[in-house]
Structure formats: structure tokens, C-alpha cells
Amino acid sequence: MSPSAEHPAAGAPTARLQVQRVRPAYRQVADELRSQIMRGALAAGARLPAESELTGMFGVSRSTVREALRVLASQHLIDTRRGVQGGSFVAAPDPARLVEDVGGALGVLVATPRLGMADLLEARLLLEPAAARLAAQRAAPETVEALRTAASAPRDPRDPSGFVEHMDFHTTVLMATGNLMLTMMGQPVGDVLRTRLNRAAVAPERWAAVDACHAEITEHIARGEAAEAEEAMRSHLLDLRELYGRPGAWKSD
């Protein structure tokens, strides 16, 4: 091999290997246990081996095992119980807890430059009209009854705007699709709107118009009018986006 091949000339491009740091041991333990849970090797309700057994299985310290279990508990994959009959047990999946976690994460992100309220409103505009169409296609008597109840829910005296009831209507439409994934995608957005909108800045008559829109959407769904339900929801959300875009609409951090 010539010297020039061994030592590239000055200024010549050289390959640089991007070396990634090895993941912490507790993350690797958590990943393996999570994988076993997700593929069903550890079923809901199953008791995990004791900490002393896990240290031997993975060849790590007890503190590493405890940190791995803490990660899994924070992700609602396991429950830890105290006492003689205690230990760590695989938790049954709970969509409501997952939705709550996603909503909390979105709420934090909205307070940063990386995600704005406009992003959430745009995502909602894509998701909910399609959900209204699907709800109309799948409408059942109990679904229609739930929507009518949500659309005409009495106002809470502590909140004359009826905003909570308005958001509950939108969640009910998502649930009326019968598609859990749509609910899990849309409800966290509603949760952020619920906490961040300055309802006092909106004129009361605007909320009456919102009620009328909800009633219209409900009846389209009840009659199985998929295209009309989709268009009514889209028009409704465009009106809301204009409403939410007014000065003072959002609470300051």
C-alpha cells in the first residue's frame, strides 16, 4: 500500500463514523421487558420475576432493575404493589390513561415554539370531518341518542359558555365512529383546547351558534347523511378556527 493511500492528502474528504453512545442499561432492560409484554409473552396480570431474579437474568445491578421498572410503570405497562403479595404485575391496557398522557404531552409542547395551537387546529380540521362522515355511516340508535344528549347537555352554572359540553360533543362524535384509534388521536387535542382557551373572551351569542351547529351535525349523522355530516363538521371547525384566532382567545402562560 502506498503512503498516499495510507495517509490522505491534506484537505481531502475523509469518512467520519458517527458513533452513538450505548443506551443505558436500565433502558435496555426496560426495552426487553416491554417487548415481552407487547408480544404477549408476559400477559396482563402476570407477575414479573422478583428484582433479585431480574438482576441475575439480565446481569445488572438491582438499582438498574428498579429504574427499568420505574420506566415501565410510568408508561402504564406494569403496576407495582407493596406487601407480602406485592411485586410488579403486567397492567391491562387502558386507553383512557394513554389519551390522558398524550394530552398532557401536547399541552407541554404547545407552550414551546415547536408546536402551536394552529397546528392542533389544523390536525383537528383533517380528523373530525372524516370522523363525522364515518359516524353517519355507522350510526346506531344508541349512538344517535348519545350524540343528541351531548349536543343538548345543560350548561354548568360555573361555565356559562358551556365549553366543556361543547368539547364532550366532539369527543362523542369521535367515539361514534367505533374506531378507538380516531378517539385516541382526537381527544388529546380537545383536552388541550379545553385547558388553554380563554372562554371569557368569547361572546355568549357565539356559543349559542356552536350549539346550533352541533344539533345540525347530530341530525345529519342520525339520518345517515355522511357527506352532509362531513361538510357540516368542516364548516363548524372553520368557524371555530376563526373564533380561536381572535386576540385574547388563549390563556397566557
Foldseek 3Di string as FASTA:
>chain_A
DDPCVVPPDPPDDDDDDDDDDDDDPLVVLLVVVVVCDVVVVADAFRFDDALVVSCVVSVHDSVSPVVSLVVCVVVVQWDFDDDPPTGIGGHDDDLVVLLVVLLVVVLVCCVDPPDHLVNLLVVCLVQQLQLLLLLLQQPDPVLLVVLVCLLPPDADPVQLLSLVSLLVNSLSSQVSSVDSVSSSVNNSSSSSLVPWFPSVVDDSVVSVVSSVLSVQLSVCSVNSVNVSNSVSVSVSSVVVVVVCPDPPGTDDD
